[in-house]
Structures are given as C-alpha cells and as structure tokens.
Amino acid sequence: MGFIPGGMELNYVWYNRLFSHQHDDLNRNSYPFQTFQERTPKRRCQMCNANLASYVTVNDRLAGHSPCYFCEDCYVAFHYNVEGNILYDDFQVFNCNTDT
C-alpha cells in the first residue's frame, strides 16, 4: 500500500513474485535468464521422409524442388550409379547440419 500527494491511497498487487533464496545468484546482470529454449525441428529427407537430412542440393534437376534435402542413402541412390560414379553434376550440394 502506498500514498501519493492529494491523499489517494494505492494498493499494489504482485503477481509471479519470486522471493530470493540462499542459492540464488544475487548479481543483477544475471537476470533475466533463459529457462526454456524451443527445439527447432530437424530437417528430414524429402525423398524417403524417414531419415534426417545429410545433404541439401540446389538446382538439382531430378529432385523436384530446390533446395531439396537428402539423407545419405537417398543422396547416393539418386546421384551415383552402382559403380560409384556420379550420374550428373550440374547442381550444387552442401552438407546439411542437423545438430541445430
């Protein structure tokens, strides 16, 4: 409760008030601190939709869309023959970081 000039009385209501504890960090620069981080969805292979993506291709003529995400198995199956020779190379390929 508080008073302001003119004799008006103010009532304060605190919501979500956190009282300090002996194990709390008393350094003001430590607050506010992050307590939750939303998980970002991981990219899945757009061919099999079962495995996580390992590669992303750009301007790949057989992929159907650009960029296209491939798992290791699908990338090899779509771009290499049984002897291990690349079928075509008129596209760009990048490693896809799925750790984030």
PDB file of N, CA and C in Angstrom:
ATOM      1  N   MET A   1       0.855  -1.165   0.000  1.00  0.00           N
ATOM      2  CA  MET A   1       0.000   0.000   0.000  1.00  0.00           C
ATOM      3  C   MET A   1       0.904   1.232   0.000  1.00  0.00           C
ATOM      4  N   GLY A   2       0.451   2.239  -0.702  1.00  0.00           N
ATOM      5  CA  GLY A   2       1.225   3.459  -0.781  1.00  0.00           C
ATOM      6  C   GLY A   2       0.320   4.668  -0.865  1.00  0.00           C
ATOM      7  N   PHE A   3       0.891   5.842  -0.644  1.00  0.00           N
ATOM      8  CA  PHE A   3       0.139   7.091  -0.704  1.00  0.00           C
ATOM      9  C   PHE A   3       0.807   8.011  -1.710  1.00  0.00           C
ATOM     10  N   ILE A   4      -0.019   8.783  -2.424  1.00  0.00           N
ATOM     11  CA  ILE A   4       0.509   9.788  -3.344  1.00  0.00           C
ATOM     12  C   ILE A   4      -0.020  11.143  -2.910  1.00  0.00           C
ATOM     13  N   PRO A   5       0.615  12.245  -3.367  1.00  0.00           N
ATOM     14  CA  PRO A   5       0.121  13.572  -2.970  1.00  0.00           C
ATOM     15  C   PRO A   5      -1.368  13.712  -3.275  1.00  0.00           C
ATOM     16  N   GLY A   6      -2.084  14.325  -2.387  1.00  0.00           N
ATOM     17  CA  GLY A   6      -3.517  14.517  -2.529  1.00  0.00           C
ATOM     18  C   GLY A   6      -4.303  13.540  -1.669  1.00  0.00           C
ATOM     19  N   GLY A   7      -3.616  12.688  -0.959  1.00  0.00           N
ATOM     20  CA  GLY A   7      -4.281  11.794  -0.025  1.00  0.00           C
ATOM     21  C   GLY A   7      -4.849  10.529  -0.640  1.00  0.00           C
ATOM     22  N   MET A   8      -4.513  10.227  -1.932  1.00  0.00           N
ATOM     23  CA  MET A   8      -5.035   8.998  -2.530  1.00  0.00           C
ATOM     24  C   MET A   8      -4.236   7.797  -2.031  1.00  0.00           C
ATOM     25  N   GLU A   9      -4.929   6.742  -1.834  1.00  0.00           N
ATOM     26  CA  GLU A   9      -4.289   5.514  -1.374  1.00  0.00           C
ATOM     27  C   GLU A   9      -4.164   4.545  -2.552  1.00  0.00           C
ATOM     28  N   LEU A  10      -2.988   3.954  -2.712  1.00  0.00           N
ATOM     29  CA  LEU A  10      -2.765   2.983  -3.786  1.00  0.00           C
ATOM     30  C   LEU A  10      -2.546   1.609  -3.196  1.00  0.00           C
ATOM     31  N   ASN A  11      -3.174   0.632  -3.785  1.00  0.00           N
ATOM     32  CA  ASN A  11      -2.964  -0.755  -3.391  1.00  0.00           C
ATOM     33  C   ASN A  11      -2.176  -1.451  -4.492  1.00  0.00           C
ATOM     34  N   TYR A  12      -1.133  -2.169  -4.114  1.00  0.00           N
ATOM     35  CA  TYR A  12      -0.298  -2.887  -5.063  1.00  0.00           C
ATOM     36  C   TYR A  12      -0.614  -4.377  -4.978  1.00  0.00           C
ATOM     37  N   VAL A  13      -0.691  -4.984  -6.120  1.00  0.00           N
ATOM     38  CA  VAL A  13      -0.887  -6.427  -6.192  1.00  0.00           C
ATOM     39  C   VAL A  13       0.267  -6.992  -7.003  1.00  0.00           C
ATOM     40  N   TRP A  14       1.000  -7.952  -6.427  1.00  0.00           N
ATOM     41  CA  TRP A  14       2.151  -8.559  -7.101  1.00  0.00           C
ATOM     42  C   TRP A  14       1.744  -9.933  -7.609  1.00  0.00           C
ATOM     43  N   TYR A  15       2.019 -10.153  -8.872  1.00  0.00           N
ATOM     44  CA  TYR A  15       1.804 -11.460  -9.475  1.00  0.00           C
ATOM     45  C   TYR A  15       3.165 -12.042  -9.852  1.00  0.00           C
ATOM     46  N   ASN A  16       3.301 -13.318  -9.717  1.00  0.00           N
ATOM     47  CA  ASN A  16       4.530 -14.018 -10.079  1.00  0.00           C
ATOM     48  C   ASN A  16       5.744 -13.421  -9.390  1.00  0.00           C
ATOM     49  N   ARG A  17       5.618 -13.079  -8.168  1.00  0.00           N
ATOM     50  CA  ARG A  17       6.726 -12.511  -7.399  1.00  0.00           C
ATOM     51  C   ARG A  17       7.624 -13.642  -6.958  1.00  0.00           C
ATOM     52  N   LEU A  18       8.914 -13.507  -7.224  1.00  0.00           N
ATOM     53  CA  LEU A  18       9.885 -14.516  -6.834  1.00  0.00           C
ATOM     54  C   LEU A  18      10.693 -13.984  -5.669  1.00  0.00           C
ATOM     55  N   PHE A  19      10.664 -14.692  -4.587  1.00  0.00           N
ATOM     56  CA  PHE A  19      11.434 -14.306  -3.429  1.00  0.00           C
ATOM     57  C   PHE A  19      12.807 -14.960  -3.515  1.00  0.00           C
ATOM     58  N   SER A  20      13.813 -14.247  -3.084  1.00  0.00           N
ATOM     59  CA  SER A  20      15.172 -14.771  -3.199  1.00  0.00           C
ATOM     60  C   SER A  20      15.386 -15.917  -2.228  1.00  0.00           C
ATOM     61  N   HIS A  21      16.283 -16.779  -2.638  1.00  0.00           N
ATOM     62  CA  HIS A  21      16.638 -17.962  -1.876  1.00  0.00           C
ATOM     63  C   HIS A  21      18.139 -17.938  -1.667  1.00  0.00           C
ATOM     64  N   GLN A  22      18.643 -18.660  -0.702  1.00  0.00           N
ATOM     65  CA  GLN A  22      20.069 -18.612  -0.392  1.00  0.00           C
ATOM     66  C   GLN A  22      20.938 -19.089  -1.557  1.00  0.00           C
ATOM     67  N   HIS A  23      20.395 -19.891  -2.489  1.00  0.00           N
ATOM     68  CA  HIS A  23      21.163 -20.402  -3.620  1.00  0.00           C
ATOM     69  C   HIS A  23      21.003 -19.546  -4.874  1.00  0.00           C
ATOM     70  N   ASP A  24      20.238 -18.486  -4.808  1.00  0.00           N
ATOM     71  CA  ASP A  24      20.026 -17.622  -5.969  1.00  0.00           C
ATOM     72  C   ASP A  24      21.247 -16.760  -6.240  1.00  0.00           C
ATOM     73  N   ASP A  25      21.454 -16.453  -7.507  1.00  0.00           N
ATOM     74  CA  ASP A  25      22.527 -15.556  -7.914  1.00  0.00           C
ATOM     75  C   ASP A  25      22.071 -14.123  -7.612  1.00  0.00           C
ATOM     76  N   LEU A  26      22.835 -13.394  -6.830  1.00  0.00           N
ATOM     77  CA  LEU A  26      22.450 -12.042  -6.439  1.00  0.00           C
ATOM     78  C   LEU A  26      22.972 -10.971  -7.396  1.00  0.00           C
ATOM     79  N   ASN A  27      23.689 -11.368  -8.422  1.00  0.00           N
ATOM     80  CA  ASN A  27      24.189 -10.426  -9.413  1.00  0.00           C
ATOM     81  C   ASN A  27      23.043 -10.001 -10.330  1.00  0.00           C
ATOM     82  N   ARG A  28      22.733  -8.718 -10.371  1.00  0.00           N
ATOM     83  CA  ARG A  28      21.611  -8.217 -11.172  1.00  0.00           C
ATOM     84  C   ARG A  28      21.819  -8.445 -12.661  1.00  0.00           C
ATOM     85  N   ASN A  29      23.082  -8.511 -13.102  1.00  0.00           N
ATOM     86  CA  ASN A  29      23.360  -8.710 -14.527  1.00  0.00           C
ATOM     87  C   ASN A  29      23.065 -10.136 -14.979  1.00  0.00           C
ATOM     88  N   SER A  30      22.799 -11.027 -14.050  1.00  0.00           N
ATOM     89  CA  SER A  30      22.467 -12.411 -14.399  1.00  0.00           C
ATOM     90  C   SER A  30      21.001 -12.573 -14.786  1.00  0.00           C
ATOM     91  N   TYR A  31      20.212 -11.538 -14.618  1.00  0.00           N
ATOM     92  CA  TYR A  31      18.779 -11.621 -14.875  1.00  0.00           C
ATOM     93  C   TYR A  31      18.376 -10.678 -15.981  1.00  0.00           C
ATOM     94  N   PRO A  32      17.349 -10.948 -16.751  1.00  0.00           N
ATOM     95  CA  PRO A  32      16.603 -12.197 -16.766  1.00  0.00           C
ATOM     96  C   PRO A  32      17.427 -13.285 -17.446  1.00  0.00           C
ATOM     97  N   PHE A  33      17.270 -14.508 -17.006  1.00  0.00           N
ATOM     98  CA  PHE A  33      17.995 -15.610 -17.627  1.00  0.00           C
ATOM     99  C   PHE A  33      17.001 -16.531 -18.319  1.00  0.00           C
ATOM    100  N   GLN A  34      17.515 -17.220 -19.339  1.00  0.00           N
ATOM    101  CA  GLN A  34      16.667 -18.076 -20.156  1.00  0.00           C
ATOM    102  C   GLN A  34      16.420 -19.389 -19.433  1.00  0.00           C
ATOM    103  N   THR A  35      15.142 -19.758 -19.321  1.00  0.00           N
ATOM    104  CA  THR A  35      14.797 -21.001 -18.644  1.00  0.00           C
ATOM    105  C   THR A  35      14.277 -22.052 -19.611  1.00  0.00           C
ATOM    106  N   PHE A  36      13.968 -21.662 -20.838  1.00  0.00           N
ATOM    107  CA  PHE A  36      13.424 -22.604 -21.810  1.00  0.00           C
ATOM    108  C   PHE A  36      13.856 -22.169 -23.197  1.00  0.00           C
ATOM    109  N   GLN A  37      14.211 -23.134 -24.035  1.00  0.00           N
ATOM    110  CA  GLN A  37      14.512 -22.835 -25.425  1.00  0.00           C
ATOM    111  C   GLN A  37      13.745 -23.817 -26.288  1.00  0.00           C
ATOM    112  N   GLU A  38      12.955 -23.269 -27.183  1.00  0.00           N
ATOM    113  CA  GLU A  38      12.150 -24.106 -28.058  1.00  0.00           C
ATOM    114  C   GLU A  38      13.058 -24.921 -28.969  1.00  0.00           C
ATOM    115  N   ARG A  39      12.751 -26.189 -29.113  1.00  0.00           N
ATOM    116  CA  ARG A  39      13.536 -27.031 -30.002  1.00  0.00           C
ATOM    117  C   ARG A  39      13.165 -26.744 -31.441  1.00  0.00           C
ATOM    118  N   THR A  40      14.182 -26.566 -32.265  1.00  0.00           N
ATOM    119  CA  THR A  40      13.920 -26.347 -33.677  1.00  0.00           C
ATOM    120  C   THR A  40      13.777 -27.700 -34.361  1.00  0.00           C
ATOM    121  N   PRO A  41      12.794 -27.825 -35.225  1.00  0.00           N
ATOM    122  CA  PRO A  41      12.601 -29.116 -35.885  1.00  0.00           C
ATOM    123  C   PRO A  41      13.782 -29.451 -36.789  1.00  0.00           C
ATOM    124  N   LYS A  42      14.153 -30.709 -36.816  1.00  0.00           N
ATOM    125  CA  LYS A  42      15.248 -31.156 -37.669  1.00  0.00           C
ATOM    126  C   LYS A  42      14.697 -31.489 -39.049  1.00  0.00           C
ATOM    127  N   ARG A  43      15.504 -31.206 -40.070  1.00  0.00           N
ATOM    128  CA  ARG A  43      15.098 -31.482 -41.441  1.00  0.00           C
ATOM    129  C   ARG A  43      15.147 -32.981 -41.728  1.00  0.00           C
ATOM    130  N   ARG A  44      14.126 -33.462 -42.375  1.00  0.00           N
ATOM    131  CA  ARG A  44      14.076 -34.856 -42.797  1.00  0.00           C
ATOM    132  C   ARG A  44      14.329 -34.924 -44.304  1.00  0.00           C
ATOM    133  N   CYS A  45      14.762 -36.095 -44.723  1.00  0.00           N
ATOM    134  CA  CYS A  45      14.974 -36.348 -46.142  1.00  0.00           C
ATOM    135  C   CYS A  45      13.641 -36.176 -46.872  1.00  0.00           C
ATOM    136  N   GLN A  46      13.658 -35.440 -47.991  1.00  0.00           N
ATOM    137  CA  GLN A  46      12.416 -35.212 -48.725  1.00  0.00           C
ATOM    138  C   GLN A  46      12.116 -36.329 -49.718  1.00  0.00           C
ATOM    139  N   MET A  47      12.986 -37.313 -49.815  1.00  0.00           N
ATOM    140  CA  MET A  47      12.739 -38.451 -50.701  1.00  0.00           C
ATOM    141  C   MET A  47      12.089 -39.602 -49.936  1.00  0.00           C
ATOM    142  N   CYS A  48      12.685 -39.999 -48.813  1.00  0.00           N
ATOM    143  CA  CYS A  48      12.128 -41.121 -48.043  1.00  0.00           C
ATOM    144  C   CYS A  48      11.305 -40.655 -46.844  1.00  0.00           C
ATOM    145  N   ASN A  49      11.518 -39.447 -46.389  1.00  0.00           N
ATOM    146  CA  ASN A  49      10.826 -38.861 -45.244  1.00  0.00           C
ATOM    147  C   ASN A  49      10.971 -39.710 -43.981  1.00  0.00           C
ATOM    148  N   ALA A  50      12.062 -40.477 -43.914  1.00  0.00           N
ATOM    149  CA  ALA A  50      12.282 -41.335 -42.754  1.00  0.00           C
ATOM    150  C   ALA A  50      13.543 -40.939 -42.000  1.00  0.00           C
ATOM    151  N   ASN A  51      14.598 -40.609 -42.714  1.00  0.00           N
ATOM    152  CA  ASN A  51      15.886 -40.308 -42.094  1.00  0.00           C
ATOM    153  C   ASN A  51      16.117 -38.803 -42.019  1.00  0.00           C
ATOM    154  N   LEU A  52      17.032 -38.403 -41.148  1.00  0.00           N
ATOM    155  CA  LEU A  52      17.414 -36.996 -41.074  1.00  0.00           C
ATOM    156  C   LEU A  52      18.253 -36.627 -42.287  1.00  0.00           C
ATOM    157  N   ALA A  53      18.128 -35.402 -42.727  1.00  0.00           N
ATOM    158  CA  ALA A  53      18.848 -34.935 -43.917  1.00  0.00           C
ATOM    159  C   ALA A  53      20.332 -34.788 -43.627  1.00  0.00           C
ATOM    160  N   SER A  54      21.143 -35.232 -44.581  1.00  0.00           N
ATOM    161  CA  SER A  54      22.594 -35.074 -44.501  1.00  0.00           C
ATOM    162  C   SER A  54      23.102 -34.092 -45.537  1.00  0.00           C
ATOM    163  N   TYR A  55      22.362 -33.943 -46.631  1.00  0.00           N
ATOM    164  CA  TYR A  55      22.772 -33.077 -47.738  1.00  0.00           C
ATOM    165  C   TYR A  55      21.600 -32.217 -48.173  1.00  0.00           C
ATOM    166  N   VAL A  56      21.922 -31.056 -48.696  1.00  0.00           N
ATOM    167  CA  VAL A  56      20.927 -30.205 -49.336  1.00  0.00           C
ATOM    168  C   VAL A  56      21.452 -29.863 -50.717  1.00  0.00           C
ATOM    169  N   THR A  57      20.612 -30.045 -51.733  1.00  0.00           N
ATOM    170  CA  THR A  57      21.009 -29.735 -53.100  1.00  0.00           C
ATOM    171  C   THR A  57      20.233 -28.524 -53.592  1.00  0.00           C
ATOM    172  N   VAL A  58      20.873 -27.773 -54.467  1.00  0.00           N
ATOM    173  CA  VAL A  58      20.263 -26.589 -55.070  1.00  0.00           C
ATOM    174  C   VAL A  58      20.346 -26.754 -56.581  1.00  0.00           C
ATOM    175  N   ASN A  59      19.248 -26.471 -57.271  1.00  0.00           N
ATOM    176  CA  ASN A  59      19.146 -26.597 -58.726  1.00  0.00           C
ATOM    177  C   ASN A  59      19.414 -28.019 -59.194  1.00  0.00           C
ATOM    178  N   ASP A  60      18.937 -28.985 -58.446  1.00  0.00           N
ATOM    179  CA  ASP A  60      19.063 -30.393 -58.805  1.00  0.00           C
ATOM    180  C   ASP A  60      17.891 -30.750 -59.705  1.00  0.00           C
ATOM    181  N   ARG A  61      18.164 -31.132 -60.940  1.00  0.00           N
ATOM    182  CA  ARG A  61      17.104 -31.328 -61.937  1.00  0.00           C
ATOM    183  C   ARG A  61      16.197 -32.513 -61.637  1.00  0.00           C
ATOM    184  N   LEU A  62      16.674 -33.522 -60.929  1.00  0.00           N
ATOM    185  CA  LEU A  62      15.843 -34.686 -60.622  1.00  0.00           C
ATOM    186  C   LEU A  62      15.194 -34.632 -59.243  1.00  0.00           C
ATOM    187  N   ALA A  63      15.493 -33.630 -58.483  1.00  0.00           N
ATOM    188  CA  ALA A  63      14.970 -33.561 -57.116  1.00  0.00           C
ATOM    189  C   ALA A  63      13.505 -33.157 -57.053  1.00  0.00           C
ATOM    190  N   GLY A  64      13.047 -32.383 -57.980  1.00  0.00           N
ATOM    191  CA  GLY A  64      11.654 -31.953 -57.954  1.00  0.00           C
ATOM    192  C   GLY A  64      11.450 -30.579 -57.353  1.00  0.00           C
ATOM    193  N   HIS A  65      12.320 -30.156 -56.463  1.00  0.00           N
ATOM    194  CA  HIS A  65      12.270 -28.801 -55.923  1.00  0.00           C
ATOM    195  C   HIS A  65      13.656 -28.398 -55.465  1.00  0.00           C
ATOM    196  N   SER A  66      13.821 -27.112 -55.318  1.00  0.00           N
ATOM    197  CA  SER A  66      15.126 -26.582 -54.930  1.00  0.00           C
ATOM    198  C   SER A  66      14.915 -25.547 -53.829  1.00  0.00           C
ATOM    199  N   PRO A  67      15.560 -25.655 -52.718  1.00  0.00           N
ATOM    200  CA  PRO A  67      16.511 -26.687 -52.303  1.00  0.00           C
ATOM    201  C   PRO A  67      15.792 -27.978 -51.945  1.00  0.00           C
ATOM    202  N   CYS A  68      16.533 -29.078 -51.996  1.00  0.00           N
ATOM    203  CA  CYS A  68      15.985 -30.386 -51.657  1.00  0.00           C
ATOM    204  C   CYS A  68      16.906 -31.048 -50.647  1.00  0.00           C
ATOM    205  N   TYR A  69      16.316 -31.654 -49.633  1.00  0.00           N
ATOM    206  CA  TYR A  69      17.072 -32.282 -48.550  1.00  0.00           C
ATOM    207  C   TYR A  69      17.118 -33.796 -48.752  1.00  0.00           C
ATOM    208  N   PHE A  70      18.318 -34.379 -48.615  1.00  0.00           N
ATOM    209  CA  PHE A  70      18.532 -35.805 -48.819  1.00  0.00           C
ATOM    210  C   PHE A  70      19.210 -36.423 -47.599  1.00  0.00           C
ATOM    211  N   CYS A  71      18.834 -37.659 -47.268  1.00  0.00           N
ATOM    212  CA  CYS A  71      19.618 -38.427 -46.308  1.00  0.00           C
ATOM    213  C   CYS A  71      20.788 -39.043 -47.076  1.00  0.00           C
ATOM    214  N   GLU A  72      21.701 -39.643 -46.376  1.00  0.00           N
ATOM    215  CA  GLU A  72      22.889 -40.235 -47.010  1.00  0.00           C
ATOM    216  C   GLU A  72      22.501 -41.287 -48.041  1.00  0.00           C
ATOM    217  N   ASP A  73      21.593 -42.193 -47.672  1.00  0.00           N
ATOM    218  CA  ASP A  73      21.199 -43.283 -48.569  1.00  0.00           C
ATOM    219  C   ASP A  73      20.526 -42.769 -49.830  1.00  0.00           C
ATOM    220  N   CYS A  74      19.596 -41.843 -49.686  1.00  0.00           N
ATOM    221  CA  CYS A  74      18.874 -41.327 -50.851  1.00  0.00           C
ATOM    222  C   CYS A  74      19.779 -40.482 -51.747  1.00  0.00           C
ATOM    223  N   TYR A  75      20.679 -39.726 -51.153  1.00  0.00           N
ATOM    224  CA  TYR A  75      21.599 -38.918 -51.962  1.00  0.00           C
ATOM    225  C   TYR A  75      22.451 -39.815 -52.857  1.00  0.00           C
ATOM    226  N   VAL A  76      22.998 -40.876 -52.292  1.00  0.00           N
ATOM    227  CA  VAL A  76      23.829 -41.800 -53.073  1.00  0.00           C
ATOM    228  C   VAL A  76      22.977 -42.500 -54.132  1.00  0.00           C
ATOM    229  N   ALA A  77      21.785 -42.938 -53.767  1.00  0.00           N
ATOM    230  CA  ALA A  77      20.916 -43.645 -54.717  1.00  0.00           C
ATOM    231  C   ALA A  77      20.491 -42.759 -55.883  1.00  0.00           C
ATOM    232  N   PHE A  78      20.265 -41.470 -55.634  1.00  0.00           N
ATOM    233  CA  PHE A  78      19.801 -40.573 -56.686  1.00  0.00           C
ATOM    234  C   PHE A  78      20.939 -40.027 -57.553  1.00  0.00           C
ATOM    235  N   HIS A  79      22.146 -39.973 -57.033  1.00  0.00           N
ATOM    236  CA  HIS A  79      23.205 -39.260 -57.749  1.00  0.00           C
ATOM    237  C   HIS A  79      24.382 -40.119 -58.192  1.00  0.00           C
ATOM    238  N   TYR A  80      24.444 -41.385 -57.779  1.00  0.00           N
ATOM    239  CA  TYR A  80      25.571 -42.251 -58.144  1.00  0.00           C
ATOM    240  C   TYR A  80      25.055 -43.559 -58.731  1.00  0.00           C
ATOM    241  N   ASN A  81      25.820 -44.128 -59.670  1.00  0.00           N
ATOM    242  CA  ASN A  81      25.464 -45.439 -60.213  1.00  0.00           C
ATOM    243  C   ASN A  81      26.059 -46.531 -59.328  1.00  0.00           C
ATOM    244  N   VAL A  82      25.848 -47.791 -59.696  1.00  0.00           N
ATOM    245  CA  VAL A  82      26.292 -48.893 -58.847  1.00  0.00           C
ATOM    246  C   VAL A  82      27.817 -48.991 -58.761  1.00  0.00           C
ATOM    247  N   GLU A  83      28.531 -48.441 -59.762  1.00  0.00           N
ATOM    248  CA  GLU A  83      29.989 -48.430 -59.719  1.00  0.00           C
ATOM    249  C   GLU A  83      30.532 -47.286 -58.862  1.00  0.00           C
ATOM    250  N   GLY A  84      29.677 -46.396 -58.402  1.00  0.00           N
ATOM    251  CA  GLY A  84      30.100 -45.280 -57.566  1.00  0.00           C
ATOM    252  C   GLY A  84      30.436 -44.025 -58.339  1.00  0.00           C
ATOM    253  N   ASN A  85      30.090 -43.983 -59.636  1.00  0.00           N
ATOM    254  CA  ASN A  85      30.336 -42.795 -60.462  1.00  0.00           C
ATOM    255  C   ASN A  85      29.133 -41.873 -60.402  1.00  0.00           C
ATOM    256  N   ILE A  86      29.398 -40.573 -60.334  1.00  0.00           N
ATOM    257  CA  ILE A  86      28.307 -39.598 -60.263  1.00  0.00           C
ATOM    258  C   ILE A  86      27.564 -39.565 -61.603  1.00  0.00           C
ATOM    259  N   LEU A  87      26.251 -39.511 -61.561  1.00  0.00           N
ATOM    260  CA  LEU A  87      25.430 -39.541 -62.768  1.00  0.00           C
ATOM    261  C   LEU A  87      25.394 -38.186 -63.468  1.00  0.00           C
ATOM    262  N   TYR A  88      25.313 -37.127 -62.726  1.00  0.00           N
ATOM    263  CA  TYR A  88      25.324 -35.762 -63.267  1.00  0.00           C
ATOM    264  C   TYR A  88      25.811 -34.834 -62.171  1.00  0.00           C
ATOM    265  N   ASP A  89      26.380 -33.710 -62.569  1.00  0.00           N
ATOM    266  CA  ASP A  89      26.953 -32.800 -61.562  1.00  0.00           C
ATOM    267  C   ASP A  89      26.621 -31.339 -61.836  1.00  0.00           C
ATOM    268  N   ASP A  90      25.495 -31.096 -62.496  1.00  0.00           N
ATOM    269  CA  ASP A  90      25.098 -29.712 -62.782  1.00  0.00           C
ATOM    270  C   ASP A  90      24.181 -29.158 -61.682  1.00  0.00           C
ATOM    271  N   PHE A  91      24.558 -29.389 -60.428  1.00  0.00           N
ATOM    272  CA  PHE A  91      23.815 -28.881 -59.284  1.00  0.00           C
ATOM    273  C   PHE A  91      24.815 -28.580 -58.179  1.00  0.00           C
ATOM    274  N   GLN A  92      24.358 -27.889 -57.161  1.00  0.00           N
ATOM    275  CA  GLN A  92      25.199 -27.598 -56.004  1.00  0.00           C
ATOM    276  C   GLN A  92      24.746 -28.475 -54.847  1.00  0.00           C
ATOM    277  N   VAL A  93      25.705 -28.958 -54.082  1.00  0.00           N
ATOM    278  CA  VAL A  93      25.386 -29.789 -52.923  1.00  0.00           C
ATOM    279  C   VAL A  93      26.156 -29.274 -51.708  1.00  0.00           C
ATOM    280  N   PHE A  94      25.491 -29.266 -50.571  1.00  0.00           N
ATOM    281  CA  PHE A  94      26.071 -28.791 -49.323  1.00  0.00           C
ATOM    282  C   PHE A  94      25.760 -29.794 -48.223  1.00  0.00           C
ATOM    283  N   ASN A  95      26.631 -29.877 -47.245  1.00  0.00           N
ATOM    284  CA  ASN A  95      26.330 -30.680 -46.061  1.00  0.00           C
ATOM    285  C   ASN A  95      25.226 -29.985 -45.283  1.00  0.00           C
ATOM    286  N   CYS A  96      24.319 -30.763 -44.780  1.00  0.00           N
ATOM    287  CA  CYS A  96      23.188 -30.228 -44.026  1.00  0.00           C
ATOM    288  C   CYS A  96      23.466 -30.459 -42.555  1.00  0.00           C
ATOM    289  N   ASN A  97      23.554 -29.396 -41.775  1.00  0.00           N
ATOM    290  CA  ASN A  97      23.832 -29.500 -40.346  1.00  0.00           C
ATOM    291  C   ASN A  97      22.522 -29.787 -39.621  1.00  0.00           C
ATOM    292  N   THR A  98      22.367 -31.012 -39.117  1.00  0.00           N
ATOM    293  CA  THR A  98      21.141 -31.383 -38.402  1.00  0.00           C
ATOM    294  C   THR A  98      21.303 -31.328 -36.894  1.00  0.00           C
ATOM    295  N   ASP A  99      22.463 -30.821 -36.416  1.00  0.00           N
ATOM    296  CA  ASP A  99      22.697 -30.750 -34.971  1.00  0.00           C
ATOM    297  C   ASP A  99      21.987 -29.584 -34.325  1.00  0.00           C
ATOM    298  N   THR A 100      21.497 -28.628 -35.120  1.00  0.00           N
ATOM    299  CA  THR A 100      20.866 -27.445 -34.548  1.00  0.00           C
ATOM    300  C   THR A 100      19.386 -27.619 -34.387  1.00  0.00           C
TER     301      THR A 100
END
